[in-house]
Structures are given as C-alpha cells and as structure tokens.
Protein backbone atom coordinates (compact mmCIF):
# COMPACT_ATOMS: atom_id res chain seq x y z
CA UNK A 1 -0.18 5.38 41.89
CA UNK A 2 1.65 5.96 38.74
CA UNK A 3 1.43 2.71 37.74
CA UNK A 4 -2.22 2.50 37.59
CA UNK A 5 -2.64 5.35 35.70
CA UNK A 6 -2.76 5.06 31.31
CA UNK A 7 -3.95 6.74 28.75
CA UNK A 8 -5.42 5.85 24.97
CA UNK A 9 -5.15 9.05 22.54
CA UNK A 10 -5.49 9.15 18.42
CA UNK A 11 -3.71 11.57 16.35
CA UNK A 12 -2.64 14.35 17.63
CA UNK A 13 -3.70 13.47 21.07
CA UNK A 14 -1.36 10.23 20.16
CA UNK A 15 1.49 13.12 20.04
CA UNK A 16 0.00 14.59 23.73
CA UNK A 17 0.15 11.57 25.12
CA UNK A 18 3.97 9.92 24.12
CA UNK A 19 4.83 13.76 25.25
CA UNK A 20 3.31 13.02 28.70
CA UNK A 21 3.93 9.78 29.06
CA UNK A 22 7.76 10.93 27.84
CA UNK A 23 8.00 12.66 31.19
CA UNK A 24 6.22 11.13 33.54
CA UNK A 25 6.49 7.12 32.75
CA UNK A 26 2.59 6.30 32.74
CA UNK A 27 1.22 3.78 30.73
CA UNK A 28 -0.02 4.77 27.11
CA UNK A 29 -1.43 3.50 24.24
CA UNK A 30 -0.86 5.38 20.78
CA UNK A 31 -3.51 5.10 18.12
CA UNK A 32 -2.22 6.06 14.62
CA UNK A 33 -0.43 8.83 16.56
CA UNK A 34 0.89 12.24 14.58
CA UNK A 35 4.45 12.50 15.40
CA UNK A 36 5.09 16.12 13.29
CA UNK A 37 1.52 17.90 13.77
CA UNK A 38 3.81 21.54 13.23
CA UNK A 39 4.31 20.69 9.52
CA UNK A 40 0.46 19.75 9.28
CA UNK A 41 -1.03 22.86 11.13
CA UNK A 42 0.70 25.19 8.75
CA UNK A 43 -1.21 24.35 6.25
CA UNK A 44 -4.62 25.12 8.08
CA UNK A 45 -4.23 28.94 9.85
CA UNK A 46 -7.44 30.49 9.84
CA UNK A 47 -11.26 29.94 11.56
CA UNK A 48 -12.94 26.77 11.28
CA UNK A 49 -16.28 25.52 13.22
CA UNK A 50 -15.96 22.59 15.79
CA UNK A 51 -16.43 19.11 14.71
CA UNK A 52 -20.23 19.55 17.39
CA UNK A 53 -20.55 23.17 15.45
CA UNK A 54 -20.67 25.09 18.40
CA UNK A 55 -17.06 27.10 18.49
CA UNK A 56 -15.56 28.55 16.08
CA UNK A 57 -11.48 27.37 16.12
CA UNK A 58 -8.88 29.86 15.53
CA UNK A 59 -5.16 28.33 13.95
CA UNK A 60 -2.45 30.37 13.86
CA UNK A 61 1.08 30.54 13.02
CA UNK A 62 2.49 30.09 16.23
CA UNK A 63 0.80 26.94 17.22
CA UNK A 64 3.16 25.02 15.13
CA UNK A 65 5.79 26.16 17.41
CA UNK A 66 4.12 25.28 20.33
CA UNK A 67 3.94 21.93 19.13
CA UNK A 68 7.37 21.74 17.91
CA UNK A 69 8.26 22.70 21.41
CA UNK A 70 6.66 19.80 22.90
CA UNK A 71 8.17 17.02 20.68
CA UNK A 72 8.26 13.87 22.77
CA UNK A 73 11.37 12.66 23.91
CA UNK A 74 12.38 9.36 24.41
CA UNK A 75 10.70 7.44 26.92
CA UNK A 76 12.06 6.01 30.16
CA UNK A 77 10.11 2.75 29.77
CA UNK A 78 9.30 2.17 26.15
CA UNK A 79 7.75 -1.23 27.09
CA UNK A 80 4.92 1.17 29.29
CA UNK A 81 4.00 2.42 25.39
CA UNK A 82 1.73 0.25 23.08
CA UNK A 83 0.94 1.79 19.33
CA UNK A 84 -1.65 0.99 16.61
CA UNK A 85 -0.61 1.78 13.73
CA UNK A 86 -2.58 1.33 10.29
CA UNK A 87 -1.04 0.82 6.89
CA UNK A 88 -4.02 2.27 5.24
CA UNK A 89 -4.28 5.79 6.81
CA UNK A 90 -5.32 8.43 4.65
CA UNK A 91 -4.13 11.19 6.64
CA UNK A 92 -0.93 10.37 8.24
CA UNK A 93 2.24 7.97 7.20
CA UNK A 94 2.29 5.23 9.54
CA UNK A 95 6.41 4.84 8.95
CA UNK A 96 6.70 8.02 10.56
CA UNK A 97 5.41 7.17 13.61
CA UNK A 98 6.95 3.34 13.26
CA UNK A 99 10.47 4.74 13.20
CA UNK A 100 10.12 7.83 16.01
CA UNK A 101 8.88 5.33 18.24
CA UNK A 102 10.58 2.62 16.69
CA UNK A 103 11.58 1.11 20.74
CA UNK A 104 7.85 0.53 21.84
CA UNK A 105 5.19 -1.89 21.39
CA UNK A 106 3.57 -1.96 17.90
CA UNK A 107 0.60 -3.56 16.26
CA UNK A 108 0.88 -2.63 12.82
CA UNK A 109 -2.71 -3.36 11.05
CA UNK A 110 -2.35 -3.87 7.38
CA UNK A 111 -5.20 -2.09 5.61
CA UNK A 112 -7.09 -0.63 8.41
CA UNK A 113 -7.53 3.16 8.02
CA UNK A 114 -6.80 6.73 10.23
CA UNK A 115 -10.40 5.98 11.93
CA UNK A 116 -8.37 2.15 12.43
CA UNK A 117 -12.26 0.60 11.64
CA UNK A 118 -11.70 -2.54 12.74
CA UNK A 119 -10.12 -1.38 15.97
CA UNK A 120 -12.78 -3.79 17.94
CA UNK A 121 -11.04 -6.38 16.81
CA UNK A 122 -7.81 -5.32 18.58
CA UNK A 123 -9.13 -3.32 21.58
CA UNK A 124 -8.97 -6.33 24.08
CA UNK A 125 -5.79 -6.92 23.05
CA UNK A 126 -4.88 -2.72 23.68
CA UNK A 127 -6.24 -3.40 27.36
CA UNK A 128 -4.69 -6.46 28.07
CA UNK A 129 -1.40 -4.15 27.66
CA UNK A 130 -1.94 -1.56 29.68
CA UNK A 131 -2.04 -3.89 32.64
CA UNK A 132 0.90 -6.25 31.34
CA UNK A 133 4.21 -6.04 29.27
CA UNK A 134 2.91 -8.08 26.35
CA UNK A 135 4.35 -8.41 23.12
CA UNK A 136 1.94 -8.29 20.65
CA UNK A 137 1.80 -10.38 17.21
CA UNK A 138 3.04 -8.26 14.83
CA UNK A 139 1.14 -7.13 11.42
CA UNK A 140 -2.35 -8.65 11.86
CA UNK A 141 -4.79 -7.47 9.21
CA UNK A 142 -8.43 -6.25 9.38
CA UNK A 143 -11.14 -9.14 9.51
CA UNK A 144 -8.21 -11.58 10.90
CA UNK A 145 -6.58 -10.99 14.58
C-alpha cells in the first residue's frame, strides 16, 4: 500500500509533506517547500482572517517551537521525493530548500514565482515522477520545458 501512496504540497505544506515522507517512505512532490517555517511564523503572531474570510486564525509564539519539533529528517529513499523550486520565488529562498534537500530529485525553474505560475508546463513531469524513478532535466525556464 505504501508504494501506491503519494502526496504533493507546497510551502508550509511542503514542510509537512517532507516530515511525513521522511517517516513513512511514501512518495512526495514538494513544491517550493518551506524548510525552516519556525522563522517565518515568529513574524506573524496574532489573529488573522483565513483566506476564505470565514474563520479567525490565531498564531501564537509556541507555534514556532511546534514546527521546529517537526523538522524533517533524512529521507529513507530520496528517489521517492521530487522537489520543484523557483528561482524567482518572492517569499522563500529556493537555495535554502535546495541545500536542505540536496539528495532528492529536483526541478529548478529559472524565473518562476512563489505560486509557480508556469506549473502547467511541468505538471505532467510531476505526475510521471510519482509513478517511477525519473531524473527530471535540471533548470528549465518558464515558457520552455
């Protein structure tokens, strides 16, 4: 069953996906993953409306400690993980993720942004990589595969 499971998450979700994949060995696609979200969370203590506007989210100082406790360990099988990074990410420094997860397969997209605006160009490669051990071509740019 484990070999059939896979997940794909971005940003802080990519952090959680790395944690889960490191402990279970399931396949994962990490999209612009946050690697040290405890540093970011410390800047946002307080109450915020959810993106949908129907809930209040309360960020407290202990969230940073909770996230640090979940820091991802090494992957048992790095070939089961694909990471997509964008050099133009205006929120996260892609080099931190590239360094932290240097043992996984990666697609580094020159010039794309935090939202991975040109993701449709690379989506089929991500789906393919969840099925097999593939080596994506390095450093494509948006508009060119």
